[in-house]
Amino acid sequence: MSWKEKVNIVLPLLRNKYVITGLVFMVWIGFFDQNNLVDRFSLNSRISDLEKQRTHYQAQIEDNINRMEELKGSHENLEKFAREQYLMKRPDEELFIIIEE
């Protein structure tokens, strides 16, 4: 199909008032409207990112709840946690910290 044949097909369509109105409507919805397509795509990606963060934080909350229950369970667990996390020691002990690289 040559260029002239393509123009002969497209030109009558561009002169049709319904096609022009439809094209203007599509451009308006796509770029200028309050709920345009560009904003909708960016909001959808933000929603998916926030849902990923939500599942991550829910898993952290469950892990922390389990740790709290474990720490409340016995005095030995509380002492173990304090020694590991806060490097606490008894007065008659020496503490050696080994940093692996």
N, C-alpha and C. Protein backbone atom coordinates (compact mmCIF):
# COMPACT_ATOMS: atom_id res chain seq x y z
N MET A 1 0.85 -1.16 0.00
CA MET A 1 0.00 0.00 0.00
C MET A 1 0.90 1.24 0.00
N SER A 2 0.64 2.12 -0.91
CA SER A 2 1.49 3.30 -1.05
C SER A 2 1.02 4.41 -0.09
N TRP A 3 1.82 5.45 -0.05
CA TRP A 3 1.55 6.55 0.85
C TRP A 3 0.26 7.27 0.46
N LYS A 4 0.01 7.43 -0.82
CA LYS A 4 -1.19 8.12 -1.30
C LYS A 4 -2.45 7.33 -0.96
N GLU A 5 -2.37 6.01 -1.03
CA GLU A 5 -3.53 5.18 -0.67
C GLU A 5 -3.85 5.30 0.83
N LYS A 6 -2.80 5.37 1.65
CA LYS A 6 -3.00 5.53 3.09
C LYS A 6 -3.64 6.88 3.40
N VAL A 7 -3.17 7.93 2.72
CA VAL A 7 -3.74 9.27 2.92
C VAL A 7 -5.19 9.29 2.49
N ASN A 8 -5.52 8.60 1.40
CA ASN A 8 -6.90 8.56 0.92
C ASN A 8 -7.82 7.84 1.90
N ILE A 9 -7.27 6.95 2.71
CA ILE A 9 -8.08 6.26 3.71
C ILE A 9 -8.23 7.10 4.98
N VAL A 10 -7.15 7.73 5.41
CA VAL A 10 -7.13 8.47 6.68
C VAL A 10 -7.81 9.83 6.55
N LEU A 11 -7.67 10.50 5.44
CA LEU A 11 -8.20 11.85 5.28
C LEU A 11 -9.71 11.94 5.48
N PRO A 12 -10.50 11.04 4.92
CA PRO A 12 -11.95 11.14 5.18
C PRO A 12 -12.29 10.89 6.67
N LEU A 13 -11.49 10.05 7.33
CA LEU A 13 -11.73 9.82 8.76
C LEU A 13 -11.48 11.08 9.57
N LEU A 14 -10.42 11.82 9.21
CA LEU A 14 -10.10 13.04 9.95
C LEU A 14 -11.10 14.16 9.69
N ARG A 15 -11.86 14.07 8.63
CA ARG A 15 -12.88 15.08 8.35
C ARG A 15 -14.21 14.75 9.06
N ASN A 16 -14.33 13.55 9.58
CA ASN A 16 -15.55 13.14 10.27
C ASN A 16 -15.58 13.77 11.66
N LYS A 17 -16.69 14.45 11.99
CA LYS A 17 -16.76 15.15 13.27
C LYS A 17 -16.80 14.19 14.46
N TYR A 18 -17.29 12.98 14.28
CA TYR A 18 -17.33 12.00 15.38
C TYR A 18 -15.94 11.45 15.69
N VAL A 19 -15.15 11.24 14.67
CA VAL A 19 -13.78 10.77 14.87
C VAL A 19 -12.95 11.86 15.55
N ILE A 20 -13.12 13.11 15.11
CA ILE A 20 -12.39 14.22 15.72
C ILE A 20 -12.80 14.36 17.18
N THR A 21 -14.09 14.27 17.46
CA THR A 21 -14.57 14.37 18.83
C THR A 21 -14.02 13.23 19.68
N GLY A 22 -13.99 12.03 19.14
CA GLY A 22 -13.43 10.88 19.87
C GLY A 22 -11.95 11.06 20.17
N LEU A 23 -11.19 11.55 19.20
CA LEU A 23 -9.76 11.79 19.41
C LEU A 23 -9.52 12.86 20.47
N VAL A 24 -10.30 13.95 20.39
CA VAL A 24 -10.16 15.02 21.39
C VAL A 24 -10.51 14.47 22.77
N PHE A 25 -11.54 13.66 22.86
CA PHE A 25 -11.94 13.06 24.13
C PHE A 25 -10.83 12.15 24.69
N MET A 26 -10.23 11.35 23.84
CA MET A 26 -9.15 10.46 24.28
C MET A 26 -7.94 11.25 24.77
N VAL A 27 -7.59 12.32 24.07
CA VAL A 27 -6.47 13.15 24.49
C VAL A 27 -6.80 13.83 25.82
N TRP A 28 -8.03 14.31 25.95
CA TRP A 28 -8.45 14.96 27.20
C TRP A 28 -8.38 13.99 28.38
N ILE A 29 -8.91 12.79 28.21
CA ILE A 29 -8.89 11.78 29.28
C ILE A 29 -7.46 11.34 29.57
N GLY A 30 -6.65 11.22 28.55
CA GLY A 30 -5.30 10.72 28.72
C GLY A 30 -4.36 11.69 29.41
N PHE A 31 -4.53 12.99 29.21
CA PHE A 31 -3.52 13.92 29.70
C PHE A 31 -4.06 15.08 30.54
N PHE A 32 -5.25 15.58 30.28
CA PHE A 32 -5.69 16.82 30.92
C PHE A 32 -6.72 16.64 32.02
N ASP A 33 -7.37 15.54 32.08
CA ASP A 33 -8.42 15.32 33.07
C ASP A 33 -7.83 15.19 34.48
N GLN A 34 -8.67 15.40 35.50
CA GLN A 34 -8.21 15.26 36.89
C GLN A 34 -7.73 13.83 37.16
N ASN A 35 -8.38 12.86 36.61
CA ASN A 35 -8.00 11.44 36.78
C ASN A 35 -7.37 10.91 35.50
N ASN A 36 -6.35 11.60 34.99
CA ASN A 36 -5.77 11.20 33.71
C ASN A 36 -5.00 9.89 33.83
N LEU A 37 -4.71 9.31 32.70
CA LEU A 37 -4.08 7.99 32.67
C LEU A 37 -2.67 8.00 33.23
N VAL A 38 -1.92 9.06 33.02
CA VAL A 38 -0.55 9.13 33.51
C VAL A 38 -0.55 9.08 35.04
N ASP A 39 -1.43 9.87 35.66
CA ASP A 39 -1.52 9.86 37.12
C ASP A 39 -2.01 8.52 37.64
N ARG A 40 -2.92 7.91 36.94
CA ARG A 40 -3.45 6.62 37.38
C ARG A 40 -2.36 5.55 37.38
N PHE A 41 -1.52 5.54 36.36
CA PHE A 41 -0.42 4.56 36.31
C PHE A 41 0.57 4.79 37.45
N SER A 42 0.90 6.05 37.71
CA SER A 42 1.83 6.33 38.80
C SER A 42 1.21 5.99 40.15
N LEU A 43 -0.08 6.25 40.32
CA LEU A 43 -0.73 5.90 41.58
C LEU A 43 -0.83 4.39 41.77
N ASN A 44 -1.05 3.66 40.68
CA ASN A 44 -1.09 2.20 40.79
C ASN A 44 0.27 1.63 41.19
N SER A 45 1.34 2.20 40.66
CA SER A 45 2.67 1.71 41.06
C SER A 45 2.95 2.07 42.51
N ARG A 46 2.50 3.23 42.94
CA ARG A 46 2.68 3.62 44.36
C ARG A 46 1.89 2.70 45.28
N ILE A 47 0.69 2.35 44.86
CA ILE A 47 -0.14 1.43 45.66
C ILE A 47 0.54 0.08 45.80
N SER A 48 1.11 -0.43 44.73
CA SER A 48 1.79 -1.72 44.81
C SER A 48 3.01 -1.65 45.71
N ASP A 49 3.76 -0.54 45.65
CA ASP A 49 4.90 -0.36 46.55
C ASP A 49 4.46 -0.31 48.01
N LEU A 50 3.37 0.40 48.28
CA LEU A 50 2.87 0.50 49.64
C LEU A 50 2.34 -0.84 50.16
N GLU A 51 1.76 -1.63 49.28
CA GLU A 51 1.29 -2.96 49.71
C GLU A 51 2.47 -3.87 50.05
N LYS A 52 3.57 -3.76 49.29
CA LYS A 52 4.77 -4.53 49.61
C LYS A 52 5.33 -4.11 50.96
N GLN A 53 5.35 -2.80 51.21
CA GLN A 53 5.81 -2.31 52.51
C GLN A 53 4.90 -2.80 53.64
N ARG A 54 3.62 -2.81 53.37
CA ARG A 54 2.66 -3.27 54.38
C ARG A 54 2.91 -4.71 54.76
N THR A 55 3.12 -5.58 53.79
CA THR A 55 3.37 -6.99 54.11
C THR A 55 4.70 -7.13 54.85
N HIS A 56 5.71 -6.34 54.46
CA HIS A 56 7.01 -6.38 55.15
C HIS A 56 6.85 -5.99 56.61
N TYR A 57 6.15 -4.90 56.86
CA TYR A 57 5.99 -4.43 58.23
C TYR A 57 5.10 -5.36 59.05
N GLN A 58 4.11 -5.97 58.43
CA GLN A 58 3.30 -6.95 59.16
C GLN A 58 4.14 -8.15 59.58
N ALA A 59 5.04 -8.58 58.72
CA ALA A 59 5.93 -9.69 59.09
C ALA A 59 6.85 -9.28 60.23
N GLN A 60 7.35 -8.04 60.20
CA GLN A 60 8.19 -7.57 61.30
C GLN A 60 7.41 -7.48 62.60
N ILE A 61 6.18 -7.05 62.54
CA ILE A 61 5.34 -6.96 63.74
C ILE A 61 5.13 -8.34 64.34
N GLU A 62 4.82 -9.32 63.50
CA GLU A 62 4.63 -10.68 64.00
C GLU A 62 5.91 -11.22 64.62
N ASP A 63 7.05 -10.94 64.00
CA ASP A 63 8.33 -11.39 64.55
C ASP A 63 8.60 -10.73 65.90
N ASN A 64 8.32 -9.45 66.01
CA ASN A 64 8.53 -8.75 67.28
C ASN A 64 7.58 -9.23 68.36
N ILE A 65 6.35 -9.56 68.00
CA ILE A 65 5.41 -10.10 68.98
C ILE A 65 5.91 -11.44 69.49
N ASN A 66 6.43 -12.27 68.59
CA ASN A 66 6.98 -13.56 69.01
C ASN A 66 8.18 -13.38 69.93
N ARG A 67 9.03 -12.41 69.63
CA ARG A 67 10.19 -12.14 70.49
C ARG A 67 9.74 -11.67 71.88
N MET A 68 8.73 -10.80 71.91
CA MET A 68 8.24 -10.30 73.20
C MET A 68 7.66 -11.43 74.04
N GLU A 69 6.92 -12.32 73.41
CA GLU A 69 6.37 -13.46 74.14
C GLU A 69 7.49 -14.35 74.67
N GLU A 70 8.53 -14.53 73.87
CA GLU A 70 9.67 -15.34 74.30
C GLU A 70 10.40 -14.68 75.47
N LEU A 71 10.56 -13.36 75.41
CA LEU A 71 11.25 -12.65 76.48
C LEU A 71 10.43 -12.63 77.77
N LYS A 72 9.13 -12.56 77.65
CA LYS A 72 8.28 -12.58 78.82
C LYS A 72 8.19 -13.98 79.44
N GLY A 73 8.60 -14.99 78.67
CA GLY A 73 8.47 -16.38 79.10
C GLY A 73 9.36 -16.74 80.27
N SER A 74 10.61 -16.33 80.25
CA SER A 74 11.51 -16.71 81.33
C SER A 74 12.61 -15.67 81.51
N HIS A 75 13.20 -15.70 82.70
CA HIS A 75 14.27 -14.77 83.02
C HIS A 75 15.54 -15.09 82.22
N GLU A 76 15.78 -16.36 81.93
CA GLU A 76 16.96 -16.76 81.17
C GLU A 76 16.91 -16.19 79.74
N ASN A 77 15.74 -16.21 79.13
CA ASN A 77 15.61 -15.66 77.77
C ASN A 77 15.85 -14.16 77.77
N LEU A 78 15.36 -13.47 78.80
CA LEU A 78 15.57 -12.03 78.90
C LEU A 78 17.06 -11.71 79.07
N GLU A 79 17.73 -12.49 79.90
CA GLU A 79 19.17 -12.27 80.11
C GLU A 79 19.95 -12.56 78.82
N LYS A 80 19.58 -13.61 78.12
CA LYS A 80 20.25 -13.95 76.85
C LYS A 80 20.07 -12.82 75.83
N PHE A 81 18.87 -12.29 75.75
CA PHE A 81 18.60 -11.18 74.82
C PHE A 81 19.43 -9.96 75.18
N ALA A 82 19.48 -9.61 76.46
CA ALA A 82 20.25 -8.44 76.89
C ALA A 82 21.73 -8.63 76.60
N ARG A 83 22.24 -9.83 76.80
CA ARG A 83 23.66 -10.08 76.54
C ARG A 83 23.96 -9.98 75.04
N GLU A 84 23.09 -10.51 74.20
CA GLU A 84 23.36 -10.52 72.76
C GLU A 84 23.12 -9.17 72.11
N GLN A 85 22.04 -8.51 72.45
CA GLN A 85 21.67 -7.28 71.76
C GLN A 85 22.35 -6.04 72.33
N TYR A 86 22.49 -5.98 73.65
CA TYR A 86 23.00 -4.77 74.28
C TYR A 86 24.38 -4.96 74.91
N LEU A 87 25.00 -6.10 74.65
CA LEU A 87 26.35 -6.41 75.11
C LEU A 87 26.50 -6.22 76.62
N MET A 88 25.48 -6.59 77.37
CA MET A 88 25.53 -6.50 78.82
C MET A 88 26.31 -7.68 79.39
N LYS A 89 26.90 -7.47 80.57
CA LYS A 89 27.68 -8.52 81.20
C LYS A 89 27.53 -8.42 82.71
N ARG A 90 27.90 -9.47 83.35
CA ARG A 90 27.92 -9.48 84.81
C ARG A 90 29.19 -8.79 85.30
N PRO A 91 29.18 -8.31 86.54
CA PRO A 91 30.36 -7.57 87.02
C PRO A 91 31.65 -8.37 87.02
N ASP A 92 31.59 -9.67 87.19
CA ASP A 92 32.81 -10.47 87.26
C ASP A 92 33.20 -11.10 85.93
N GLU A 93 32.57 -10.67 84.83
CA GLU A 93 32.86 -11.25 83.51
C GLU A 93 33.63 -10.25 82.66
N GLU A 94 34.33 -10.78 81.67
CA GLU A 94 34.95 -9.97 80.64
C GLU A 94 34.25 -10.27 79.33
N LEU A 95 34.13 -9.26 78.51
CA LEU A 95 33.39 -9.40 77.24
C LEU A 95 34.35 -9.17 76.09
N PHE A 96 34.39 -10.10 75.16
CA PHE A 96 35.21 -9.98 73.95
C PHE A 96 34.28 -9.90 72.76
N ILE A 97 34.42 -8.86 71.96
CA ILE A 97 33.59 -8.68 70.78
C ILE A 97 34.43 -9.00 69.56
N ILE A 98 33.93 -9.94 68.76
CA ILE A 98 34.63 -10.36 67.54
C ILE A 98 33.82 -9.87 66.35
N ILE A 99 34.42 -9.04 65.53
CA ILE A 99 33.74 -8.51 64.35
C ILE A 99 34.26 -9.28 63.14
N GLU A 100 33.36 -9.96 62.47
CA GLU A 100 33.73 -10.73 61.27
C GLU A 100 33.62 -9.81 60.05
N GLU A 101 34.63 -9.88 59.22
CA GLU A 101 34.63 -9.06 58.01
C GLU A 101 34.53 -9.90 56.78
